[in-house]
């Protein structure tokens, strides 16, 4: 993904589209055309339902209810992989947006969540450099690590997502 797209949301959409196409190719190669067709059918029905198309909710419900356990598991697995890829693209999007915002940051116009905004607020309150330093030295930062069930990822999946991140960073993309 080169720098040709200037709007960060265009780049996000392009990355999601690319990763979705690549996932589709992988599903076809590994699990066959039948699963790919099922995933596409359910995806299109879900999209139609979201857009309020009449009968789409019923059609989606009937289609999913008619699946075997094996088909349902494969479908859930495919969508799980898709959402992991979307999360990867969104993480990259946040980094791009934050970098763009940081480029224009000044003491007069700081990012609200940044250290320059804090420095500006302390200065506006009339604190001297020494007083501000004293306040900051009293701060305690406590990190909290949680294992949220929706964020647990197998080591192999994390490895594959890291490799995809490297590929996207290196600009190696397919047409």
C-alpha atoms as a PDB file:
ATOM      1  CA  UNK A   1       0.000   0.000   0.000  1.00  0.00           C
ATOM      2  CA  UNK A   2       1.970   2.979  -1.221  1.00  0.00           C
ATOM      3  CA  UNK A   3       1.433   6.634  -0.489  1.00  0.00           C
ATOM      4  CA  UNK A   4      -0.775   7.243  -3.549  1.00  0.00           C
ATOM      5  CA  UNK A   5      -3.944   7.509  -1.476  1.00  0.00           C
ATOM      6  CA  UNK A   6      -3.941  10.723   0.551  1.00  0.00           C
ATOM      7  CA  UNK A   7      -7.205  10.374   2.494  1.00  0.00           C
ATOM      8  CA  UNK A   8      -6.528   8.061   5.462  1.00  0.00           C
ATOM      9  CA  UNK A   9     -10.023   6.576   5.162  1.00  0.00           C
ATOM     10  CA  UNK A  10      -9.393   5.744   1.490  1.00  0.00           C
ATOM     11  CA  UNK A  11      -6.214   3.956   2.536  1.00  0.00           C
ATOM     12  CA  UNK A  12      -8.096   2.095   5.276  1.00  0.00           C
ATOM     13  CA  UNK A  13     -10.778   0.998   2.808  1.00  0.00           C
ATOM     14  CA  UNK A  14      -8.131  -0.046   0.269  1.00  0.00           C
ATOM     15  CA  UNK A  15      -6.314  -2.140   2.879  1.00  0.00           C
ATOM     16  CA  UNK A  16      -9.530  -3.777   4.079  1.00  0.00           C
ATOM     17  CA  UNK A  17     -10.463  -4.549   0.454  1.00  0.00           C
ATOM     18  CA  UNK A  18      -6.993  -5.978  -0.255  1.00  0.00           C
ATOM     19  CA  UNK A  19      -6.972  -8.129   2.878  1.00  0.00           C
ATOM     20  CA  UNK A  20     -10.539  -9.313   2.173  1.00  0.00           C
ATOM     21  CA  UNK A  21      -9.618 -10.321  -1.384  1.00  0.00           C
ATOM     22  CA  UNK A  22      -6.523 -12.156  -0.143  1.00  0.00           C
ATOM     23  CA  UNK A  23      -8.571 -13.966   2.480  1.00  0.00           C
ATOM     24  CA  UNK A  24     -11.059 -14.970  -0.215  1.00  0.00           C
ATOM     25  CA  UNK A  25      -8.210 -16.387  -2.299  1.00  0.00           C
ATOM     26  CA  UNK A  26      -6.918 -18.295   0.727  1.00  0.00           C
ATOM     27  CA  UNK A  27     -10.370 -19.722   1.485  1.00  0.00           C
ATOM     28  CA  UNK A  28     -10.707 -20.880  -2.125  1.00  0.00           C
ATOM     29  CA  UNK A  29      -7.223 -22.432  -2.113  1.00  0.00           C
ATOM     30  CA  UNK A  30      -7.484 -24.144   1.276  1.00  0.00           C
ATOM     31  CA  UNK A  31     -11.180 -24.926   1.722  1.00  0.00           C
ATOM     32  CA  UNK A  32     -12.558 -24.829  -1.791  1.00  0.00           C
ATOM     33  CA  UNK A  33     -15.047 -22.955  -3.903  1.00  0.00           C
ATOM     34  CA  UNK A  34     -18.028 -24.250  -1.929  1.00  0.00           C
ATOM     35  CA  UNK A  35     -16.984 -22.563   1.326  1.00  0.00           C
ATOM     36  CA  UNK A  36     -15.977 -19.403  -0.529  1.00  0.00           C
ATOM     37  CA  UNK A  37     -19.441 -19.248  -2.150  1.00  0.00           C
ATOM     38  CA  UNK A  38     -21.101 -19.739   1.252  1.00  0.00           C
ATOM     39  CA  UNK A  39     -19.037 -16.967   2.837  1.00  0.00           C
ATOM     40  CA  UNK A  40     -19.849 -14.607  -0.033  1.00  0.00           C
ATOM     41  CA  UNK A  41     -23.544 -15.470   0.093  1.00  0.00           C
ATOM     42  CA  UNK A  42     -23.749 -14.836   3.846  1.00  0.00           C
ATOM     43  CA  UNK A  43     -21.650 -11.659   3.538  1.00  0.00           C
ATOM     44  CA  UNK A  44     -23.959 -10.253   0.848  1.00  0.00           C
ATOM     45  CA  UNK A  45     -27.085 -11.191   2.805  1.00  0.00           C
ATOM     46  CA  UNK A  46     -25.677  -9.551   5.947  1.00  0.00           C
ATOM     47  CA  UNK A  47     -24.822  -6.424   3.953  1.00  0.00           C
ATOM     48  CA  UNK A  48     -28.336  -6.324   2.478  1.00  0.00           C
ATOM     49  CA  UNK A  49     -29.812  -6.744   5.959  1.00  0.00           C
ATOM     50  CA  UNK A  50     -27.664  -3.868   7.282  1.00  0.00           C
ATOM     51  CA  UNK A  51     -28.868  -1.686   4.406  1.00  0.00           C
ATOM     52  CA  UNK A  52     -32.480  -2.471   5.284  1.00  0.00           C
ATOM     53  CA  UNK A  53     -33.363  -4.486   2.191  1.00  0.00           C
ATOM     54  CA  UNK A  54     -36.730  -6.135   2.567  1.00  0.00           C
ATOM     55  CA  UNK A  55     -36.538  -9.863   3.210  1.00  0.00           C
ATOM     56  CA  UNK A  56     -32.778  -9.895   3.709  1.00  0.00           C
ATOM     57  CA  UNK A  57     -32.982 -10.582   7.457  1.00  0.00           C
ATOM     58  CA  UNK A  58     -35.300 -13.534   6.905  1.00  0.00           C
ATOM     59  CA  UNK A  59     -33.175 -14.912   4.064  1.00  0.00           C
ATOM     60  CA  UNK A  60     -30.013 -14.600   6.154  1.00  0.00           C
ATOM     61  CA  UNK A  61     -31.625 -16.296   9.132  1.00  0.00           C
ATOM     62  CA  UNK A  62     -32.952 -19.169   7.002  1.00  0.00           C
ATOM     63  CA  UNK A  63     -29.595 -19.638   5.276  1.00  0.00           C
ATOM     64  CA  UNK A  64     -27.653 -19.787   8.532  1.00  0.00           C
ATOM     65  CA  UNK A  65     -30.202 -22.032  10.253  1.00  0.00           C
ATOM     66  CA  UNK A  66     -29.874 -24.534   7.400  1.00  0.00           C
ATOM     67  CA  UNK A  67     -26.114 -25.021   7.840  1.00  0.00           C
ATOM     68  CA  UNK A  68     -24.556 -28.186   9.148  1.00  0.00           C
ATOM     69  CA  UNK A  69     -22.331 -27.890  12.218  1.00  0.00           C
ATOM     70  CA  UNK A  70     -19.224 -28.250  10.028  1.00  0.00           C
ATOM     71  CA  UNK A  71     -20.422 -25.537   7.641  1.00  0.00           C
ATOM     72  CA  UNK A  72     -21.290 -23.216  10.530  1.00  0.00           C
ATOM     73  CA  UNK A  73     -17.852 -23.741  12.112  1.00  0.00           C
ATOM     74  CA  UNK A  74     -16.084 -23.055   8.810  1.00  0.00           C
ATOM     75  CA  UNK A  75     -18.215 -19.938   8.254  1.00  0.00           C
ATOM     76  CA  UNK A  76     -17.503 -18.616  11.757  1.00  0.00           C
ATOM     77  CA  UNK A  77     -13.799 -19.313  11.287  1.00  0.00           C
ATOM     78  CA  UNK A  78     -13.747 -17.419   7.971  1.00  0.00           C
ATOM     79  CA  UNK A  79     -15.485 -14.371   9.450  1.00  0.00           C
ATOM     80  CA  UNK A  80     -13.236 -14.498  12.521  1.00  0.00           C
ATOM     81  CA  UNK A  81     -10.185 -14.341  10.262  1.00  0.00           C
ATOM     82  CA  UNK A  82     -11.776 -11.490   8.329  1.00  0.00           C
ATOM     83  CA  UNK A  83     -12.378  -9.456  11.486  1.00  0.00           C
ATOM     84  CA  UNK A  84      -8.797 -10.058  12.657  1.00  0.00           C
ATOM     85  CA  UNK A  85      -7.639  -8.641   9.317  1.00  0.00           C
ATOM     86  CA  UNK A  86      -9.977  -5.655   9.630  1.00  0.00           C
ATOM     87  CA  UNK A  87      -8.586  -5.004  13.117  1.00  0.00           C
ATOM     88  CA  UNK A  88      -5.056  -5.069  11.679  1.00  0.00           C
ATOM     89  CA  UNK A  89      -6.040  -2.520   9.028  1.00  0.00           C
ATOM     90  CA  UNK A  90      -7.735  -0.321  11.646  1.00  0.00           C
ATOM     91  CA  UNK A  91      -4.650  -0.408  13.884  1.00  0.00           C
ATOM     92  CA  UNK A  92      -2.547   0.725  10.926  1.00  0.00           C
ATOM     93  CA  UNK A  93      -5.128   3.445  10.193  1.00  0.00           C
ATOM     94  CA  UNK A  94      -4.885   4.786  13.768  1.00  0.00           C
ATOM     95  CA  UNK A  95      -1.084   4.956  13.479  1.00  0.00           C
ATOM     96  CA  UNK A  96      -1.337   6.855  10.167  1.00  0.00           C
ATOM     97  CA  UNK A  97      -3.879   9.327  11.555  1.00  0.00           C
ATOM     98  CA  UNK A  98      -1.848   9.916  14.708  1.00  0.00           C
ATOM     99  CA  UNK A  99       1.300  10.503  12.655  1.00  0.00           C
ATOM    100  CA  UNK A 100      -0.527  13.033  10.466  1.00  0.00           C
ATOM    101  CA  UNK A 101      -1.900  14.821  13.501  1.00  0.00           C
ATOM    102  CA  UNK A 102       1.520  14.866  15.188  1.00  0.00           C
ATOM    103  CA  UNK A 103       3.108  16.474  12.115  1.00  0.00           C
ATOM    104  CA  UNK A 104       1.022  19.629  12.535  1.00  0.00           C
ATOM    105  CA  UNK A 105       1.293  19.763  16.298  1.00  0.00           C
ATOM    106  CA  UNK A 106       2.735  22.904  17.896  1.00  0.00           C
ATOM    107  CA  UNK A 107       2.675  24.325  21.403  1.00  0.00           C
ATOM    108  CA  UNK A 108      -0.036  26.727  20.222  1.00  0.00           C
ATOM    109  CA  UNK A 109      -2.031  23.956  18.534  1.00  0.00           C
ATOM    110  CA  UNK A 110      -1.329  20.694  20.381  1.00  0.00           C
ATOM    111  CA  UNK A 111      -3.150  17.387  20.095  1.00  0.00           C
ATOM    112  CA  UNK A 112      -5.572  17.285  23.060  1.00  0.00           C
ATOM    113  CA  UNK A 113      -4.226  13.957  24.329  1.00  0.00           C
ATOM    114  CA  UNK A 114      -0.549  14.804  23.896  1.00  0.00           C
ATOM    115  CA  UNK A 115       2.181  16.040  26.203  1.00  0.00           C
ATOM    116  CA  UNK A 116       2.285  19.418  24.476  1.00  0.00           C
ATOM    117  CA  UNK A 117      -1.365  19.976  25.475  1.00  0.00           C
ATOM    118  CA  UNK A 118      -0.447  19.148  29.048  1.00  0.00           C
ATOM    119  CA  UNK A 119       2.510  21.552  28.926  1.00  0.00           C
ATOM    120  CA  UNK A 120       0.275  24.274  27.476  1.00  0.00           C
ATOM    121  CA  UNK A 121      -2.389  23.743  30.168  1.00  0.00           C
ATOM    122  CA  UNK A 122       0.197  23.910  32.948  1.00  0.00           C
ATOM    123  CA  UNK A 123       1.690  27.074  31.442  1.00  0.00           C
ATOM    124  CA  UNK A 124      -1.765  28.669  31.127  1.00  0.00           C
ATOM    125  CA  UNK A 125      -2.356  27.963  34.816  1.00  0.00           C
ATOM    126  CA  UNK A 126       0.735  29.986  35.573  1.00  0.00           C
ATOM    127  CA  UNK A 127       2.966  27.149  36.750  1.00  0.00           C
ATOM    128  CA  UNK A 128       6.676  27.651  36.407  1.00  0.00           C
ATOM    129  CA  UNK A 129       8.805  24.981  34.798  1.00  0.00           C
ATOM    130  CA  UNK A 130       9.957  23.856  38.257  1.00  0.00           C
ATOM    131  CA  UNK A 131       6.376  23.660  39.592  1.00  0.00           C
ATOM    132  CA  UNK A 132       5.214  21.714  36.545  1.00  0.00           C
ATOM    133  CA  UNK A 133       8.151  19.332  36.917  1.00  0.00           C
ATOM    134  CA  UNK A 134       7.308  18.827  40.596  1.00  0.00           C
ATOM    135  CA  UNK A 135       3.709  17.928  39.703  1.00  0.00           C
ATOM    136  CA  UNK A 136       4.790  15.559  36.947  1.00  0.00           C
ATOM    137  CA  UNK A 137       7.322  13.865  39.237  1.00  0.00           C
ATOM    138  CA  UNK A 138       4.474  12.970  41.626  1.00  0.00           C
ATOM    139  CA  UNK A 139       2.533  11.154  38.916  1.00  0.00           C
ATOM    140  CA  UNK A 140       2.246   7.408  39.173  1.00  0.00           C
ATOM    141  CA  UNK A 141       1.551   5.394  36.077  1.00  0.00           C
ATOM    142  CA  UNK A 142       0.121   1.969  36.757  1.00  0.00           C
ATOM    143  CA  UNK A 143      -0.248  -0.401  33.842  1.00  0.00           C
ATOM    144  CA  UNK A 144      -3.085  -2.868  33.820  1.00  0.00           C
ATOM    145  CA  UNK A 145      -2.979  -5.945  31.649  1.00  0.00           C
ATOM    146  CA  UNK A 146      -6.232  -7.693  30.913  1.00  0.00           C
ATOM    147  CA  UNK A 147      -7.061 -10.778  28.974  1.00  0.00           C
ATOM    148  CA  UNK A 148     -10.323  -9.868  27.338  1.00  0.00           C
ATOM    149  CA  UNK A 149     -11.870 -12.947  25.701  1.00  0.00           C
ATOM    150  CA  UNK A 150     -12.414 -11.160  22.404  1.00  0.00           C
ATOM    151  CA  UNK A 151      -8.731 -10.208  22.252  1.00  0.00           C
ATOM    152  CA  UNK A 152      -7.175 -13.592  22.896  1.00  0.00           C
ATOM    153  CA  UNK A 153      -5.296 -14.827  19.866  1.00  0.00           C
ATOM    154  CA  UNK A 154      -3.384 -17.985  19.263  1.00  0.00           C
ATOM    155  CA  UNK A 155       0.344 -17.559  18.845  1.00  0.00           C
ATOM    156  CA  UNK A 156       0.215 -18.748  15.237  1.00  0.00           C
ATOM    157  CA  UNK A 157      -2.520 -16.233  14.400  1.00  0.00           C
ATOM    158  CA  UNK A 158      -0.518 -13.426  16.039  1.00  0.00           C
ATOM    159  CA  UNK A 159       2.524 -14.524  14.011  1.00  0.00           C
ATOM    160  CA  UNK A 160       0.543 -14.464  10.747  1.00  0.00           C
ATOM    161  CA  UNK A 161      -0.927 -11.041  11.540  1.00  0.00           C
ATOM    162  CA  UNK A 162       2.564  -9.721  12.330  1.00  0.00           C
ATOM    163  CA  UNK A 163       3.810 -11.053   8.972  1.00  0.00           C
ATOM    164  CA  UNK A 164       0.898  -9.349   7.203  1.00  0.00           C
ATOM    165  CA  UNK A 165       1.750  -6.134   9.046  1.00  0.00           C
ATOM    166  CA  UNK A 166       5.349  -6.410   7.800  1.00  0.00           C
ATOM    167  CA  UNK A 167       4.162  -7.027   4.251  1.00  0.00           C
ATOM    168  CA  UNK A 168       1.836  -4.026   4.379  1.00  0.00           C
ATOM    169  CA  UNK A 169       4.574  -1.834   5.896  1.00  0.00           C
ATOM    170  CA  UNK A 170       7.035  -2.878   3.206  1.00  0.00           C
ATOM    171  CA  UNK A 171       4.657  -1.780   0.498  1.00  0.00           C
ATOM    172  CA  UNK A 172       4.553  -5.234  -1.022  1.00  0.00           C
ATOM    173  CA  UNK A 173       1.011  -5.503  -2.225  1.00  0.00           C
ATOM    174  CA  UNK A 174      -0.630  -7.338  -5.034  1.00  0.00           C
ATOM    175  CA  UNK A 175      -2.743  -5.653  -7.710  1.00  0.00           C
END
